[in-house]
Amino acid sequence: MPPTERVADATASLQRCLKAPGFLEHFLDLLALRAPHLRECIAVQTGGSQPFMARRCITTVLLAVGGAVPLEEARRKFAECRSSGGIGMTAELFPVWGATLVDAVRRYDPEFGPEVEAGWQRVLDAAGRDVVLCGDPACGSCGA
């Protein structure tokens, strides 16, 4: 499957979700529940730059898996997020982040169903396999 086809369903789903007020905030609230070590960072940042950074992170994953952004640039963007006070992304956090994203999408995408879920899973599987994330646990520490 060509990279652009691999991300088509997830990209369309994300566009629908972003039209719904509260999607990114709901995603961050769920993430704070599932990754307690990030709660303080998310609480401090919510309403500020954190929703913007969450959107950027999701978009970066889609662009990298779709081949529109080189994998090295995706890694650089994750590092920039971390260094600018974001929650960062580690290999350990990624599965929790991905499952949380799918749960938020399930709630906000009016067209969510097995095909959309499979589309997101293809993207997340490819990202987990192809986008080398920082292995340093300190990277997920809110940049503090």
C-alpha atoms as a PDB file:
ATOM      1  CA  MET A   1       0.000   0.000   0.000  1.00  0.00           C
ATOM      2  CA  PRO A   2       1.477   3.391  -0.964  1.00  0.00           C
ATOM      3  CA  PRO A   3       2.207   5.669   2.022  1.00  0.00           C
ATOM      4  CA  THR A   4      -0.456   8.206   1.077  1.00  0.00           C
ATOM      5  CA  GLU A   5      -3.124   5.495   0.947  1.00  0.00           C
ATOM      6  CA  ARG A   6      -1.915   4.194   4.312  1.00  0.00           C
ATOM      7  CA  VAL A   7      -2.848   7.524   5.964  1.00  0.00           C
ATOM      8  CA  ALA A   8      -5.930   8.544   3.957  1.00  0.00           C
ATOM      9  CA  ASP A   9      -8.563   7.210   6.383  1.00  0.00           C
ATOM     10  CA  ALA A  10      -6.793   8.580   9.466  1.00  0.00           C
ATOM     11  CA  THR A  11      -6.207  11.964   7.821  1.00  0.00           C
ATOM     12  CA  ALA A  12      -9.887  12.325   6.897  1.00  0.00           C
ATOM     13  CA  SER A  13     -10.827  11.220  10.408  1.00  0.00           C
ATOM     14  CA  LEU A  14      -8.521  13.776  12.009  1.00  0.00           C
ATOM     15  CA  GLN A  15     -10.004  16.533   9.864  1.00  0.00           C
ATOM     16  CA  ARG A  16     -13.486  15.620  11.090  1.00  0.00           C
ATOM     17  CA  CYS A  17     -12.310  15.515  14.713  1.00  0.00           C
ATOM     18  CA  LEU A  18     -10.579  18.889  14.517  1.00  0.00           C
ATOM     19  CA  LYS A  19     -13.871  20.471  13.428  1.00  0.00           C
ATOM     20  CA  ALA A  20     -15.426  19.352  16.713  1.00  0.00           C
ATOM     21  CA  PRO A  21     -14.845  21.725  19.629  1.00  0.00           C
ATOM     22  CA  GLY A  22     -12.996  20.087  22.485  1.00  0.00           C
ATOM     23  CA  PHE A  23     -11.343  17.219  20.601  1.00  0.00           C
ATOM     24  CA  LEU A  24      -7.751  18.085  21.462  1.00  0.00           C
ATOM     25  CA  GLU A  25      -8.627  18.998  25.034  1.00  0.00           C
ATOM     26  CA  HIS A  26     -10.449  15.683  25.477  1.00  0.00           C
ATOM     27  CA  PHE A  27      -7.439  13.837  24.069  1.00  0.00           C
ATOM     28  CA  LEU A  28      -5.137  15.640  26.526  1.00  0.00           C
ATOM     29  CA  ASP A  29      -7.490  14.962  29.461  1.00  0.00           C
ATOM     30  CA  LEU A  30      -7.509  11.246  28.614  1.00  0.00           C
ATOM     31  CA  LEU A  31      -3.737  11.247  28.227  1.00  0.00           C
ATOM     32  CA  ALA A  32      -3.338  12.861  31.650  1.00  0.00           C
ATOM     33  CA  LEU A  33      -5.428  10.054  33.154  1.00  0.00           C
ATOM     34  CA  ARG A  34      -3.469   7.307  31.406  1.00  0.00           C
ATOM     35  CA  ALA A  35      -0.002   8.784  31.854  1.00  0.00           C
ATOM     36  CA  PRO A  36      -0.111  10.236  35.382  1.00  0.00           C
ATOM     37  CA  HIS A  37       3.473  11.487  35.201  1.00  0.00           C
ATOM     38  CA  LEU A  38       2.280  13.946  32.533  1.00  0.00           C
ATOM     39  CA  ARG A  39      -0.707  15.298  34.479  1.00  0.00           C
ATOM     40  CA  GLU A  40       0.987  18.379  35.846  1.00  0.00           C
ATOM     41  CA  CYS A  41       2.466  19.331  32.497  1.00  0.00           C
ATOM     42  CA  ILE A  42      -0.854  18.885  30.698  1.00  0.00           C
ATOM     43  CA  ALA A  43      -2.753  20.775  33.424  1.00  0.00           C
ATOM     44  CA  VAL A  44      -0.344  23.703  33.279  1.00  0.00           C
ATOM     45  CA  GLN A  45      -0.352  23.817  29.499  1.00  0.00           C
ATOM     46  CA  THR A  46      -4.018  23.079  28.708  1.00  0.00           C
ATOM     47  CA  GLY A  47      -5.653  26.053  27.087  1.00  0.00           C
ATOM     48  CA  GLY A  48      -2.236  27.357  26.118  1.00  0.00           C
ATOM     49  CA  SER A  49       0.234  25.725  23.813  1.00  0.00           C
ATOM     50  CA  GLN A  50      -0.465  22.090  24.710  1.00  0.00           C
ATOM     51  CA  PRO A  51      -3.466  21.604  22.356  1.00  0.00           C
ATOM     52  CA  PHE A  52      -1.427  23.200  19.564  1.00  0.00           C
ATOM     53  CA  MET A  53       1.485  20.845  20.307  1.00  0.00           C
ATOM     54  CA  ALA A  54      -0.862  17.835  20.456  1.00  0.00           C
ATOM     55  CA  ARG A  55      -2.245  18.745  17.033  1.00  0.00           C
ATOM     56  CA  ARG A  56       1.282  19.193  15.702  1.00  0.00           C
ATOM     57  CA  CYS A  57       2.346  15.805  17.070  1.00  0.00           C
ATOM     58  CA  ILE A  58      -0.652  13.996  15.537  1.00  0.00           C
ATOM     59  CA  THR A  59      -0.125  15.749  12.221  1.00  0.00           C
ATOM     60  CA  THR A  60       3.598  14.977  12.268  1.00  0.00           C
ATOM     61  CA  VAL A  61       2.863  11.271  12.704  1.00  0.00           C
ATOM     62  CA  LEU A  62       0.453  11.328   9.751  1.00  0.00           C
ATOM     63  CA  LEU A  63       2.871  13.266   7.550  1.00  0.00           C
ATOM     64  CA  ALA A  64       5.812  11.008   8.412  1.00  0.00           C
ATOM     65  CA  VAL A  65       3.902   7.783   7.827  1.00  0.00           C
ATOM     66  CA  GLY A  66       2.413   9.230   4.639  1.00  0.00           C
ATOM     67  CA  GLY A  67       5.872  10.059   3.319  1.00  0.00           C
ATOM     68  CA  ALA A  68       5.266  13.815   3.166  1.00  0.00           C
ATOM     69  CA  VAL A  69       7.799  14.497   5.924  1.00  0.00           C
ATOM     70  CA  PRO A  70      11.120  12.666   6.190  1.00  0.00           C
ATOM     71  CA  LEU A  71      11.397  10.500   9.309  1.00  0.00           C
ATOM     72  CA  GLU A  72      14.367  12.570  10.500  1.00  0.00           C
ATOM     73  CA  GLU A  73      12.233  15.716  10.391  1.00  0.00           C
ATOM     74  CA  ALA A  74       9.523  13.965  12.421  1.00  0.00           C
ATOM     75  CA  ARG A  75      12.106  13.068  15.079  1.00  0.00           C
ATOM     76  CA  ARG A  76      13.323  16.678  15.071  1.00  0.00           C
ATOM     77  CA  LYS A  77       9.769  17.987  15.539  1.00  0.00           C
ATOM     78  CA  PHE A  78       9.234  15.662  18.513  1.00  0.00           C
ATOM     79  CA  ALA A  79      12.477  16.947  20.031  1.00  0.00           C
ATOM     80  CA  GLU A  80      11.383  20.577  19.466  1.00  0.00           C
ATOM     81  CA  CYS A  81       8.088  19.878  21.208  1.00  0.00           C
ATOM     82  CA  ARG A  82       9.930  18.462  24.187  1.00  0.00           C
ATOM     83  CA  SER A  83      12.427  21.326  24.360  1.00  0.00           C
ATOM     84  CA  SER A  84       9.681  23.965  24.163  1.00  0.00           C
ATOM     85  CA  GLY A  85       7.832  22.679  27.211  1.00  0.00           C
ATOM     86  CA  GLY A  86       5.692  20.002  25.590  1.00  0.00           C
ATOM     87  CA  ILE A  87       5.170  16.527  26.933  1.00  0.00           C
ATOM     88  CA  GLY A  88       7.684  15.003  24.568  1.00  0.00           C
ATOM     89  CA  MET A  89       7.385  11.562  23.071  1.00  0.00           C
ATOM     90  CA  THR A  90       9.220   8.440  24.112  1.00  0.00           C
ATOM     91  CA  ALA A  91       9.029   4.896  22.850  1.00  0.00           C
ATOM     92  CA  GLU A  92       7.381   3.981  26.169  1.00  0.00           C
ATOM     93  CA  LEU A  93       4.751   6.713  25.899  1.00  0.00           C
ATOM     94  CA  PHE A  94       3.880   6.123  22.241  1.00  0.00           C
ATOM     95  CA  PRO A  95       1.570   3.075  22.730  1.00  0.00           C
ATOM     96  CA  VAL A  96      -0.383   4.900  25.474  1.00  0.00           C
ATOM     97  CA  TRP A  97      -0.498   8.046  23.338  1.00  0.00           C
ATOM     98  CA  GLY A  98      -1.744   6.072  20.318  1.00  0.00           C
ATOM     99  CA  ALA A  99      -4.453   4.193  22.228  1.00  0.00           C
ATOM    100  CA  THR A 100      -5.588   7.455  23.813  1.00  0.00           C
ATOM    101  CA  LEU A 101      -5.736   9.136  20.424  1.00  0.00           C
ATOM    102  CA  VAL A 102      -7.910   6.356  19.003  1.00  0.00           C
ATOM    103  CA  ASP A 103     -10.249   6.609  21.993  1.00  0.00           C
ATOM    104  CA  ALA A 104     -10.590  10.377  21.516  1.00  0.00           C
ATOM    105  CA  VAL A 105     -11.187   9.887  17.786  1.00  0.00           C
ATOM    106  CA  ARG A 106     -13.818   7.233  18.567  1.00  0.00           C
ATOM    107  CA  ARG A 107     -15.754   9.874  20.525  1.00  0.00           C
ATOM    108  CA  TYR A 108     -15.338  12.825  18.133  1.00  0.00           C
ATOM    109  CA  ASP A 109     -15.367  11.328  14.628  1.00  0.00           C
ATOM    110  CA  PRO A 110     -19.002  10.917  13.554  1.00  0.00           C
ATOM    111  CA  GLU A 111     -17.878   8.398  10.908  1.00  0.00           C
ATOM    112  CA  PHE A 112     -15.823   6.260  13.293  1.00  0.00           C
ATOM    113  CA  GLY A 113     -16.187   2.550  12.662  1.00  0.00           C
ATOM    114  CA  PRO A 114     -14.059  -0.512  11.938  1.00  0.00           C
ATOM    115  CA  GLU A 115     -12.587   0.925   8.724  1.00  0.00           C
ATOM    116  CA  VAL A 116     -11.564   4.219  10.347  1.00  0.00           C
ATOM    117  CA  GLU A 117     -10.171   2.395  13.374  1.00  0.00           C
ATOM    118  CA  ALA A 118      -8.152   0.104  11.076  1.00  0.00           C
ATOM    119  CA  GLY A 119      -6.836   3.189   9.270  1.00  0.00           C
ATOM    120  CA  TRP A 120      -5.615   4.700  12.516  1.00  0.00           C
ATOM    121  CA  GLN A 121      -4.083   1.392  13.563  1.00  0.00           C
ATOM    122  CA  ARG A 122      -2.137   1.183  10.267  1.00  0.00           C
ATOM    123  CA  VAL A 123      -0.760   4.670  10.880  1.00  0.00           C
ATOM    124  CA  LEU A 124       0.136   4.018  14.516  1.00  0.00           C
ATOM    125  CA  ASP A 125       1.742   0.661  13.724  1.00  0.00           C
ATOM    126  CA  ALA A 126       3.853   2.227  10.980  1.00  0.00           C
ATOM    127  CA  ALA A 127       4.825   5.165  13.198  1.00  0.00           C
ATOM    128  CA  GLY A 128       5.779   2.876  16.061  1.00  0.00           C
ATOM    129  CA  ARG A 129       7.916   0.835  13.697  1.00  0.00           C
ATOM    130  CA  ASP A 130       9.436   3.586  11.532  1.00  0.00           C
ATOM    131  CA  VAL A 131       9.674   6.765  13.607  1.00  0.00           C
ATOM    132  CA  VAL A 132      12.556   6.256  16.015  1.00  0.00           C
ATOM    133  CA  LEU A 133      11.651   8.043  19.212  1.00  0.00           C
ATOM    134  CA  CYS A 134      13.890   9.134  22.015  1.00  0.00           C
ATOM    135  CA  GLY A 135      14.702   6.319  24.420  1.00  0.00           C
ATOM    136  CA  ASP A 136      15.465   8.685  27.310  1.00  0.00           C
ATOM    137  CA  PRO A 137      12.637   8.590  29.902  1.00  0.00           C
ATOM    138  CA  ALA A 138      13.427  12.216  30.778  1.00  0.00           C
ATOM    139  CA  CYS A 139      12.137  13.198  27.331  1.00  0.00           C
ATOM    140  CA  GLY A 140       8.560  12.673  28.459  1.00  0.00           C
ATOM    141  CA  SER A 141       8.978  14.924  31.470  1.00  0.00           C
ATOM    142  CA  CYS A 142       7.357  18.135  30.271  1.00  0.00           C
ATOM    143  CA  GLY A 143      10.677  19.688  29.380  1.00  0.00           C
ATOM    144  CA  ALA A 144      11.340  20.457  33.030  1.00  0.00           C
END
